[in-house]
Amino acid sequence: MIVGIFLRHIKTYKGINFVPLSDGEKFCGLVGNNGIGKSTVLEALDKIFLANKEWNINLSHNKSLDDSNIPYIVPIFLIKKDKIKFDTKELEVVKIIDKSIKQIKASNLPSRFSGAKETVQHIEKVISTLKNIDDYYLIPLGVTLNNKKSFSVFNAYFKEKLSEFLEGISTPSAELEEAE
């Protein structure tokens, strides 16, 4: 299930926008006035799942492609744990991301993202509809215009959580240096 999607500088969406798609129910409908962005959401999902689709960038985007301003599409996936398999390394990273997003607070998100409170409330609402949240992974993951993976507004927060994890891992070169 796709809980919601972050769109940055995509078609009708300027800046960073979170679009809730599901509140935990098995049905999702996109309704609204003409020009509100329904087709944009569908085109963005099409881009994620069919990578050969062209990017439709917002016309007012200043074409700066540095990481602080690059367009991206990042869905938040809710995946039943028994429906997906990860190798050991992937699973460790997924567990950290899953645990972190389930505990996220608006204060953990960038101050420039005006929709932080509503995004966190939506995530909490979806979590509250599940019988057992521990049966699911909640994972935001998408791509930027230059084909890099992105967690959207969660990038810095997850990097911090993952760096704590990585600090606890000894690398083979470090082990060799210690042995000498």
N, C-alpha and C. Protein backbone atom coordinates (compact mmCIF):
# COMPACT_ATOMS: atom_id res chain seq x y z
N MET A 1 0.85 -1.17 0.00
CA MET A 1 0.00 0.00 0.00
C MET A 1 0.90 1.24 0.00
N ILE A 2 0.45 2.26 -0.65
CA ILE A 2 1.17 3.53 -0.64
C ILE A 2 0.38 4.49 0.26
N VAL A 3 1.01 4.88 1.35
CA VAL A 3 0.38 5.73 2.36
C VAL A 3 0.26 7.16 1.86
N GLY A 4 1.29 7.62 1.18
CA GLY A 4 1.32 8.98 0.67
C GLY A 4 2.54 9.14 -0.22
N ILE A 5 2.68 10.33 -0.78
CA ILE A 5 3.81 10.56 -1.69
C ILE A 5 4.32 11.99 -1.51
N PHE A 6 5.63 12.12 -1.48
CA PHE A 6 6.28 13.43 -1.47
C PHE A 6 6.63 13.79 -2.90
N LEU A 7 6.24 14.99 -3.29
CA LEU A 7 6.56 15.50 -4.62
C LEU A 7 7.28 16.83 -4.44
N ARG A 8 8.42 16.94 -5.08
CA ARG A 8 9.17 18.20 -5.01
C ARG A 8 9.42 18.70 -6.42
N HIS A 9 8.86 19.86 -6.72
CA HIS A 9 9.01 20.50 -8.03
C HIS A 9 8.54 19.60 -9.17
N ILE A 10 7.43 18.91 -8.96
CA ILE A 10 6.87 18.02 -9.98
C ILE A 10 5.58 18.63 -10.51
N LYS A 11 5.54 18.90 -11.79
CA LYS A 11 4.39 19.41 -12.53
C LYS A 11 3.68 20.54 -11.79
N THR A 12 2.51 20.29 -11.18
CA THR A 12 1.75 21.36 -10.52
C THR A 12 2.22 21.63 -9.10
N TYR A 13 3.12 20.81 -8.58
CA TYR A 13 3.57 20.94 -7.20
C TYR A 13 4.91 21.67 -7.12
N LYS A 14 4.90 22.86 -6.55
CA LYS A 14 6.12 23.65 -6.37
C LYS A 14 6.62 23.44 -4.95
N GLY A 15 7.91 23.31 -4.77
CA GLY A 15 8.47 23.07 -3.45
C GLY A 15 8.20 21.64 -3.02
N ILE A 16 8.25 21.40 -1.71
CA ILE A 16 8.02 20.06 -1.15
C ILE A 16 6.56 19.94 -0.75
N ASN A 17 5.91 18.90 -1.25
CA ASN A 17 4.50 18.65 -0.93
C ASN A 17 4.30 17.20 -0.55
N PHE A 18 3.50 16.96 0.49
CA PHE A 18 3.11 15.60 0.85
C PHE A 18 1.65 15.43 0.48
N VAL A 19 1.36 14.38 -0.29
CA VAL A 19 -0.01 14.09 -0.70
C VAL A 19 -0.42 12.77 -0.05
N PRO A 20 -1.33 12.81 0.93
CA PRO A 20 -1.81 11.55 1.54
C PRO A 20 -2.61 10.76 0.52
N LEU A 21 -2.36 9.47 0.44
CA LEU A 21 -3.08 8.64 -0.53
C LEU A 21 -3.98 7.61 0.13
N SER A 22 -3.62 7.13 1.29
CA SER A 22 -4.43 6.12 1.96
C SER A 22 -4.43 6.38 3.45
N ASP A 23 -5.56 6.14 4.05
CA ASP A 23 -5.63 6.28 5.51
C ASP A 23 -5.68 4.90 6.17
N GLY A 24 -5.20 3.90 5.46
CA GLY A 24 -5.16 2.54 6.00
C GLY A 24 -6.24 1.64 5.43
N GLU A 25 -7.18 2.23 4.71
CA GLU A 25 -8.24 1.43 4.08
C GLU A 25 -7.70 0.81 2.80
N LYS A 26 -8.44 -0.14 2.26
CA LYS A 26 -7.99 -0.82 1.05
C LYS A 26 -8.38 -0.08 -0.24
N PHE A 27 -9.03 1.06 -0.11
CA PHE A 27 -9.44 1.83 -1.28
C PHE A 27 -8.88 3.24 -1.18
N CYS A 28 -8.47 3.77 -2.31
CA CYS A 28 -7.97 5.14 -2.37
C CYS A 28 -8.57 5.80 -3.60
N GLY A 29 -9.11 6.97 -3.42
CA GLY A 29 -9.62 7.73 -4.55
C GLY A 29 -9.01 9.11 -4.56
N LEU A 30 -8.70 9.61 -5.74
CA LEU A 30 -8.18 10.96 -5.88
C LEU A 30 -9.29 11.82 -6.49
N VAL A 31 -9.80 12.75 -5.70
CA VAL A 31 -10.88 13.61 -6.17
C VAL A 31 -10.50 15.07 -5.93
N GLY A 32 -11.05 15.95 -6.74
CA GLY A 32 -10.79 17.36 -6.56
C GLY A 32 -11.06 18.12 -7.84
N ASN A 33 -10.94 19.43 -7.75
CA ASN A 33 -11.17 20.30 -8.90
C ASN A 33 -10.12 20.08 -9.97
N ASN A 34 -10.43 20.52 -11.18
CA ASN A 34 -9.45 20.47 -12.27
C ASN A 34 -8.22 21.28 -11.90
N GLY A 35 -7.04 20.76 -12.25
CA GLY A 35 -5.79 21.48 -12.01
C GLY A 35 -5.24 21.37 -10.60
N ILE A 36 -5.86 20.56 -9.77
CA ILE A 36 -5.44 20.46 -8.36
C ILE A 36 -4.23 19.54 -8.18
N GLY A 37 -4.00 18.61 -9.14
CA GLY A 37 -2.82 17.76 -9.06
C GLY A 37 -3.07 16.27 -9.03
N LYS A 38 -4.29 15.84 -9.32
CA LYS A 38 -4.61 14.39 -9.31
C LYS A 38 -3.77 13.64 -10.35
N SER A 39 -3.74 14.15 -11.56
CA SER A 39 -2.96 13.50 -12.63
C SER A 39 -1.47 13.53 -12.32
N THR A 40 -1.03 14.59 -11.67
CA THR A 40 0.39 14.70 -11.31
C THR A 40 0.79 13.56 -10.39
N VAL A 41 -0.05 13.25 -9.42
CA VAL A 41 0.23 12.14 -8.50
C VAL A 41 0.33 10.83 -9.27
N LEU A 42 -0.61 10.60 -10.17
CA LEU A 42 -0.59 9.36 -10.96
C LEU A 42 0.63 9.30 -11.87
N GLU A 43 0.99 10.42 -12.49
CA GLU A 43 2.18 10.46 -13.34
C GLU A 43 3.45 10.21 -12.52
N ALA A 44 3.49 10.74 -11.30
CA ALA A 44 4.65 10.53 -10.43
C ALA A 44 4.78 9.06 -10.06
N LEU A 45 3.67 8.42 -9.73
CA LEU A 45 3.71 6.99 -9.42
C LEU A 45 4.13 6.19 -10.65
N ASP A 46 3.65 6.61 -11.80
CA ASP A 46 4.05 5.97 -13.05
C ASP A 46 5.57 6.07 -13.23
N LYS A 47 6.13 7.22 -12.92
CA LYS A 47 7.58 7.43 -13.03
C LYS A 47 8.34 6.50 -12.08
N ILE A 48 7.83 6.33 -10.88
CA ILE A 48 8.48 5.45 -9.89
C ILE A 48 8.47 4.00 -10.36
N PHE A 49 7.33 3.54 -10.83
CA PHE A 49 7.19 2.13 -11.18
C PHE A 49 7.62 1.79 -12.61
N LEU A 50 7.59 2.79 -13.49
CA LEU A 50 8.02 2.60 -14.88
C LEU A 50 9.10 3.65 -15.16
N ALA A 51 10.29 3.37 -14.76
CA ALA A 51 11.37 4.36 -14.73
C ALA A 51 11.65 5.04 -16.07
N ASN A 52 11.20 4.48 -17.17
CA ASN A 52 11.50 5.08 -18.47
C ASN A 52 10.65 6.31 -18.78
N LYS A 53 9.71 6.65 -17.93
CA LYS A 53 8.84 7.81 -18.13
C LYS A 53 9.65 9.10 -17.88
N GLU A 54 9.36 10.14 -18.66
CA GLU A 54 10.03 11.42 -18.52
C GLU A 54 9.59 12.14 -17.24
N TRP A 55 10.49 12.93 -16.67
CA TRP A 55 10.17 13.77 -15.53
C TRP A 55 9.40 14.99 -16.03
N ASN A 56 8.36 15.36 -15.31
CA ASN A 56 7.57 16.54 -15.65
C ASN A 56 7.81 17.57 -14.54
N ILE A 57 8.81 18.40 -14.73
CA ILE A 57 9.26 19.34 -13.70
C ILE A 57 8.37 20.58 -13.69
N ASN A 58 8.14 21.13 -12.49
CA ASN A 58 7.39 22.37 -12.33
C ASN A 58 8.09 23.49 -13.10
N LEU A 59 7.33 24.26 -13.85
CA LEU A 59 7.90 25.29 -14.71
C LEU A 59 8.66 26.37 -13.94
N SER A 60 8.29 26.62 -12.69
CA SER A 60 8.97 27.67 -11.93
C SER A 60 10.22 27.18 -11.21
N HIS A 61 10.54 25.89 -11.34
CA HIS A 61 11.77 25.37 -10.72
C HIS A 61 12.96 26.06 -11.37
N ASN A 62 13.91 26.48 -10.56
CA ASN A 62 15.02 27.30 -11.08
C ASN A 62 16.14 26.50 -11.74
N LYS A 63 15.90 25.24 -11.98
CA LYS A 63 16.86 24.36 -12.68
C LYS A 63 18.12 24.07 -11.88
N SER A 64 18.19 24.53 -10.65
CA SER A 64 19.32 24.20 -9.79
C SER A 64 19.20 22.73 -9.41
N LEU A 65 20.25 21.98 -9.62
CA LEU A 65 20.19 20.55 -9.36
C LEU A 65 21.04 20.14 -8.16
N ASP A 66 21.34 21.10 -7.27
CA ASP A 66 22.04 20.69 -6.06
C ASP A 66 21.06 19.96 -5.16
N ASP A 67 21.57 19.19 -4.21
CA ASP A 67 20.72 18.33 -3.39
C ASP A 67 19.66 19.08 -2.61
N SER A 68 19.89 20.37 -2.34
CA SER A 68 18.91 21.12 -1.55
C SER A 68 17.70 21.56 -2.36
N ASN A 69 17.73 21.37 -3.67
CA ASN A 69 16.63 21.87 -4.50
C ASN A 69 16.23 20.92 -5.62
N ILE A 70 16.75 19.73 -5.65
CA ILE A 70 16.51 18.82 -6.77
C ILE A 70 15.10 18.22 -6.69
N PRO A 71 14.41 18.13 -7.81
CA PRO A 71 13.10 17.48 -7.83
C PRO A 71 13.19 16.01 -7.43
N TYR A 72 12.16 15.54 -6.73
CA TYR A 72 12.10 14.12 -6.38
C TYR A 72 10.68 13.64 -6.24
N ILE A 73 10.55 12.31 -6.27
CA ILE A 73 9.27 11.62 -6.06
C ILE A 73 9.55 10.53 -5.03
N VAL A 74 8.89 10.62 -3.88
CA VAL A 74 9.16 9.66 -2.80
C VAL A 74 7.84 9.16 -2.19
N PRO A 75 7.40 7.96 -2.58
CA PRO A 75 6.23 7.37 -1.93
C PRO A 75 6.61 6.83 -0.55
N ILE A 76 5.62 6.76 0.33
CA ILE A 76 5.79 6.05 1.61
C ILE A 76 5.02 4.74 1.46
N PHE A 77 5.76 3.64 1.52
CA PHE A 77 5.17 2.31 1.35
C PHE A 77 4.85 1.69 2.71
N LEU A 78 3.70 1.05 2.79
CA LEU A 78 3.33 0.23 3.95
C LEU A 78 3.30 -1.21 3.44
N ILE A 79 4.26 -2.01 3.89
CA ILE A 79 4.44 -3.35 3.34
C ILE A 79 4.32 -4.38 4.45
N LYS A 80 3.45 -5.35 4.25
CA LYS A 80 3.32 -6.45 5.22
C LYS A 80 4.63 -7.23 5.23
N LYS A 81 5.18 -7.43 6.42
CA LYS A 81 6.50 -8.04 6.56
C LYS A 81 6.59 -9.42 5.92
N ASP A 82 5.52 -10.18 5.98
CA ASP A 82 5.59 -11.54 5.42
C ASP A 82 5.45 -11.55 3.89
N LYS A 83 5.31 -10.38 3.27
CA LYS A 83 5.16 -10.31 1.81
C LYS A 83 6.45 -9.91 1.09
N ILE A 84 7.51 -9.65 1.84
CA ILE A 84 8.76 -9.20 1.23
C ILE A 84 9.94 -9.81 1.97
N LYS A 85 10.98 -10.10 1.22
CA LYS A 85 12.19 -10.69 1.80
C LYS A 85 13.37 -9.76 1.54
N PHE A 86 14.20 -9.59 2.54
CA PHE A 86 15.42 -8.81 2.43
C PHE A 86 16.60 -9.69 2.81
N ASP A 87 17.78 -9.39 2.25
CA ASP A 87 18.95 -10.09 2.76
C ASP A 87 19.29 -9.47 4.12
N THR A 88 20.23 -10.06 4.83
CA THR A 88 20.52 -9.65 6.20
C THR A 88 20.89 -8.18 6.31
N LYS A 89 21.75 -7.72 5.42
CA LYS A 89 22.21 -6.33 5.45
C LYS A 89 21.05 -5.37 5.17
N GLU A 90 20.27 -5.67 4.15
CA GLU A 90 19.11 -4.83 3.81
C GLU A 90 18.13 -4.78 4.97
N LEU A 91 17.90 -5.92 5.59
CA LEU A 91 16.93 -6.00 6.68
C LEU A 91 17.34 -5.12 7.86
N GLU A 92 18.61 -5.08 8.17
CA GLU A 92 19.08 -4.23 9.27
C GLU A 92 18.78 -2.77 8.98
N VAL A 93 19.04 -2.32 7.76
CA VAL A 93 18.79 -0.93 7.38
C VAL A 93 17.29 -0.65 7.36
N VAL A 94 16.50 -1.56 6.78
CA VAL A 94 15.05 -1.39 6.71
C VAL A 94 14.45 -1.28 8.11
N LYS A 95 14.92 -2.09 9.04
CA LYS A 95 14.41 -2.04 10.41
C LYS A 95 14.68 -0.69 11.07
N ILE A 96 15.85 -0.12 10.82
CA ILE A 96 16.18 1.19 11.39
C ILE A 96 15.27 2.26 10.80
N ILE A 97 15.09 2.24 9.49
CA ILE A 97 14.23 3.23 8.82
C ILE A 97 12.79 3.08 9.30
N ASP A 98 12.31 1.85 9.34
CA ASP A 98 10.94 1.55 9.79
C ASP A 98 10.72 2.05 11.22
N LYS A 99 11.62 1.70 12.11
CA LYS A 99 11.48 2.11 13.52
C LYS A 99 11.52 3.63 13.64
N SER A 100 12.41 4.26 12.88
CA SER A 100 12.56 5.71 12.95
C SER A 100 11.32 6.44 12.46
N ILE A 101 10.75 6.00 11.35
CA ILE A 101 9.58 6.71 10.82
C ILE A 101 8.35 6.48 11.71
N LYS A 102 8.28 5.34 12.35
CA LYS A 102 7.15 5.08 13.24
C LYS A 102 7.22 5.93 14.50
N GLN A 103 8.40 6.48 14.80
CA GLN A 103 8.57 7.32 15.99
C GLN A 103 8.77 8.80 15.64
N ILE A 104 8.62 9.14 14.37
CA ILE A 104 8.95 10.50 13.90
C ILE A 104 8.03 11.54 14.54
N LYS A 105 8.60 12.70 14.78
CA LYS A 105 7.86 13.87 15.28
C LYS A 105 8.08 15.00 14.27
N ALA A 106 7.17 15.93 14.22
CA ALA A 106 7.29 17.05 13.29
C ALA A 106 8.60 17.80 13.50
N SER A 107 9.07 17.86 14.74
CA SER A 107 10.32 18.57 15.05
C SER A 107 11.55 17.88 14.44
N ASN A 108 11.42 16.61 14.04
CA ASN A 108 12.54 15.89 13.39
C ASN A 108 12.68 16.25 11.92
N LEU A 109 11.70 16.95 11.36
CA LEU A 109 11.69 17.25 9.93
C LEU A 109 12.23 18.66 9.69
N PRO A 110 12.71 18.93 8.48
CA PRO A 110 13.29 20.26 8.18
C PRO A 110 12.27 21.37 8.40
N SER A 111 12.73 22.47 8.98
CA SER A 111 11.84 23.59 9.27
C SER A 111 11.26 24.20 8.00
N ARG A 112 11.95 24.08 6.87
CA ARG A 112 11.44 24.65 5.61
C ARG A 112 10.26 23.86 5.04
N PHE A 113 10.01 22.66 5.58
CA PHE A 113 8.89 21.84 5.12
C PHE A 113 7.65 22.21 5.93
N SER A 114 6.78 22.99 5.34
CA SER A 114 5.61 23.52 6.06
C SER A 114 4.56 22.46 6.37
N GLY A 115 4.61 21.31 5.70
CA GLY A 115 3.61 20.27 5.92
C GLY A 115 4.02 19.20 6.91
N ALA A 116 5.04 19.48 7.74
CA ALA A 116 5.57 18.46 8.65
C ALA A 116 4.51 17.94 9.62
N LYS A 117 3.78 18.85 10.24
CA LYS A 117 2.78 18.43 11.24
C LYS A 117 1.71 17.54 10.60
N GLU A 118 1.20 17.95 9.45
CA GLU A 118 0.16 17.18 8.77
C GLU A 118 0.68 15.82 8.31
N THR A 119 1.93 15.78 7.85
CA THR A 119 2.53 14.52 7.41
C THR A 119 2.63 13.54 8.57
N VAL A 120 3.15 14.01 9.69
CA VAL A 120 3.28 13.15 10.88
C VAL A 120 1.90 12.70 11.36
N GLN A 121 0.93 13.60 11.36
CA GLN A 121 -0.43 13.23 11.76
C GLN A 121 -1.00 12.15 10.84
N HIS A 122 -0.74 12.25 9.55
CA HIS A 122 -1.23 11.25 8.61
C HIS A 122 -0.57 9.89 8.88
N ILE A 123 0.73 9.90 9.09
CA ILE A 123 1.44 8.65 9.40
C ILE A 123 0.87 8.03 10.67
N GLU A 124 0.67 8.85 11.70
CA GLU A 124 0.10 8.35 12.96
C GLU A 124 -1.30 7.79 12.75
N LYS A 125 -2.10 8.45 11.91
CA LYS A 125 -3.46 7.98 11.63
C LYS A 125 -3.43 6.60 10.96
N VAL A 126 -2.55 6.44 9.98
CA VAL A 126 -2.43 5.15 9.29
C VAL A 126 -2.00 4.07 10.28
N ILE A 127 -1.00 4.38 11.10
CA ILE A 127 -0.52 3.42 12.10
C ILE A 127 -1.64 3.00 13.03
N SER A 128 -2.48 3.96 13.43
CA SER A 128 -3.56 3.66 14.38
C SER A 128 -4.64 2.74 13.80
N THR A 129 -4.72 2.64 12.47
CA THR A 129 -5.74 1.78 11.85
C THR A 129 -5.30 0.32 11.76
N LEU A 130 -4.03 0.07 11.99
CA LEU A 130 -3.50 -1.29 11.84
C LEU A 130 -3.68 -2.08 13.13
N LYS A 131 -4.03 -3.35 12.99
CA LYS A 131 -4.18 -4.21 14.17
C LYS A 131 -2.86 -4.36 14.90
N ASN A 132 -1.79 -4.59 14.14
CA ASN A 132 -0.47 -4.75 14.74
C ASN A 132 0.57 -4.10 13.83
N ILE A 133 1.01 -2.92 14.20
CA ILE A 133 1.98 -2.19 13.37
C ILE A 133 3.28 -2.96 13.21
N ASP A 134 3.59 -3.85 14.15
CA ASP A 134 4.82 -4.63 14.05
C ASP A 134 4.78 -5.66 12.93
N ASP A 135 3.61 -5.85 12.31
CA ASP A 135 3.50 -6.76 11.16
C ASP A 135 3.84 -6.07 9.84
N TYR A 136 4.16 -4.77 9.91
CA TYR A 136 4.36 -3.97 8.70
C TYR A 136 5.67 -3.19 8.75
N TYR A 137 6.22 -2.97 7.56
CA TYR A 137 7.31 -2.01 7.39
C TYR A 137 6.70 -0.73 6.83
N LEU A 138 7.13 0.39 7.33
CA LEU A 138 6.73 1.70 6.82
C LEU A 138 8.00 2.34 6.26
N ILE A 139 8.06 2.46 4.93
CA ILE A 139 9.32 2.86 4.29
C ILE A 139 9.10 3.95 3.25
N PRO A 140 9.67 5.14 3.47
CA PRO A 140 9.66 6.14 2.40
C PRO A 140 10.90 5.93 1.54
N LEU A 141 10.71 5.75 0.26
CA LEU A 141 11.86 5.56 -0.63
C LEU A 141 11.46 5.93 -2.05
N GLY A 142 12.26 6.80 -2.64
CA GLY A 142 12.00 7.22 -4.01
C GLY A 142 13.27 7.62 -4.70
N VAL A 143 13.13 8.45 -5.74
CA VAL A 143 14.28 8.87 -6.53
C VAL A 143 14.25 10.36 -6.81
N THR A 144 15.45 10.88 -7.04
CA THR A 144 15.60 12.28 -7.44
C THR A 144 15.72 12.35 -8.96
N LEU A 145 15.67 13.56 -9.47
CA LEU A 145 15.81 13.78 -10.90
C LEU A 145 17.11 13.19 -11.45
N ASN A 146 18.19 13.23 -10.64
CA ASN A 146 19.47 12.68 -11.11
C ASN A 146 19.65 11.21 -10.71
N ASN A 147 18.53 10.53 -10.47
CA ASN A 147 18.48 9.08 -10.23
C ASN A 147 19.15 8.61 -8.94
N LYS A 148 19.23 9.47 -7.94
CA LYS A 148 19.73 9.05 -6.64
C LYS A 148 18.54 8.64 -5.78
N LYS A 149 18.76 7.71 -4.87
CA LYS A 149 17.71 7.33 -3.93
C LYS A 149 17.46 8.49 -2.97
N SER A 150 16.22 8.62 -2.53
CA SER A 150 15.87 9.70 -1.61
C SER A 150 14.84 9.24 -0.59
N PHE A 151 14.97 9.79 0.61
CA PHE A 151 13.96 9.60 1.66
C PHE A 151 13.15 10.88 1.84
N SER A 152 13.33 11.85 0.95
CA SER A 152 12.62 13.12 0.99
C SER A 152 12.98 13.90 2.25
N VAL A 153 11.97 14.40 2.96
CA VAL A 153 12.20 15.23 4.14
C VAL A 153 12.81 14.44 5.29
N PHE A 154 12.87 13.13 5.16
CA PHE A 154 13.45 12.29 6.21
C PHE A 154 14.95 12.08 6.02
N ASN A 155 15.55 12.58 4.94
CA ASN A 155 16.96 12.32 4.63
C ASN A 155 17.89 12.54 5.82
N ALA A 156 17.89 13.74 6.38
CA ALA A 156 18.82 14.06 7.47
C ALA A 156 18.52 13.21 8.71
N TYR A 157 17.25 13.04 9.02
CA TYR A 157 16.84 12.26 10.19
C TYR A 157 17.32 10.81 10.06
N PHE A 158 17.11 10.21 8.89
CA PHE A 158 17.54 8.82 8.68
C PHE A 158 19.05 8.70 8.63
N LYS A 159 19.72 9.68 8.03
CA LYS A 159 21.19 9.64 8.00
C LYS A 159 21.75 9.61 9.42
N GLU A 160 21.14 10.40 10.30
CA GLU A 160 21.56 10.41 11.70
C GLU A 160 21.35 9.03 12.33
N LYS A 161 20.17 8.46 12.13
CA LYS A 161 19.85 7.15 12.70
C LYS A 161 20.75 6.06 12.11
N LEU A 162 21.00 6.13 10.81
CA LEU A 162 21.85 5.13 10.16
C LEU A 162 23.32 5.30 10.55
N SER A 163 23.76 6.54 10.79
CA SER A 163 25.16 6.74 11.20
C SER A 163 25.38 6.14 12.59
N GLU A 164 24.38 6.24 13.46
CA GLU A 164 24.48 5.60 14.78
C GLU A 164 24.66 4.10 14.60
N PHE A 165 23.92 3.53 13.67
CA PHE A 165 24.01 2.10 13.37
C PHE A 165 25.38 1.75 12.79
N LEU A 166 25.83 2.56 11.83
CA LEU A 166 27.11 2.28 11.15
C LEU A 166 28.30 2.42 12.09
N GLU A 167 28.20 3.32 13.07
CA GLU A 167 29.29 3.48 14.04
C GLU A 167 29.51 2.21 14.84
N GLY A 168 28.46 1.42 14.98
CA GLY A 168 28.56 0.18 15.75
C GLY A 168 29.07 -1.00 14.94
N ILE A 169 29.37 -0.77 13.66
CA ILE A 169 29.84 -1.86 12.79
C ILE A 169 31.34 -1.73 12.62
N SER A 170 32.04 -2.81 12.85
CA SER A 170 33.48 -2.79 12.59
C SER A 170 33.71 -3.24 11.16
N THR A 171 34.54 -2.51 10.45
CA THR A 171 34.82 -2.85 9.06
C THR A 171 36.03 -3.78 9.01
N PRO A 172 36.15 -4.58 7.97
CA PRO A 172 37.29 -5.49 7.87
C PRO A 172 38.63 -4.75 7.95
N SER A 173 38.75 -3.57 7.34
CA SER A 173 40.02 -2.84 7.39
C SER A 173 40.32 -2.38 8.81
N ALA A 174 39.29 -1.98 9.55
CA ALA A 174 39.50 -1.57 10.94
C ALA A 174 39.92 -2.77 11.79
N GLU A 175 39.33 -3.92 11.52
CA GLU A 175 39.69 -5.12 12.26
C GLU A 175 41.13 -5.52 11.95
N LEU A 176 41.56 -5.37 10.69
CA LEU A 176 42.94 -5.70 10.32
C LEU A 176 43.93 -4.76 11.00
N GLU A 177 43.58 -3.47 11.06
CA GLU A 177 44.46 -2.50 11.71
C GLU A 177 44.61 -2.83 13.19
N GLU A 178 43.49 -3.23 13.83
CA GLU A 178 43.54 -3.58 15.24
C GLU A 178 44.38 -4.83 15.47
N ALA A 179 44.35 -5.77 14.53
CA ALA A 179 45.09 -7.02 14.67
C ALA A 179 46.59 -6.79 14.54
N GLU A 180 46.99 -5.77 13.77
CA GLU A 180 48.42 -5.50 13.56
C GLU A 180 48.97 -4.89 14.76
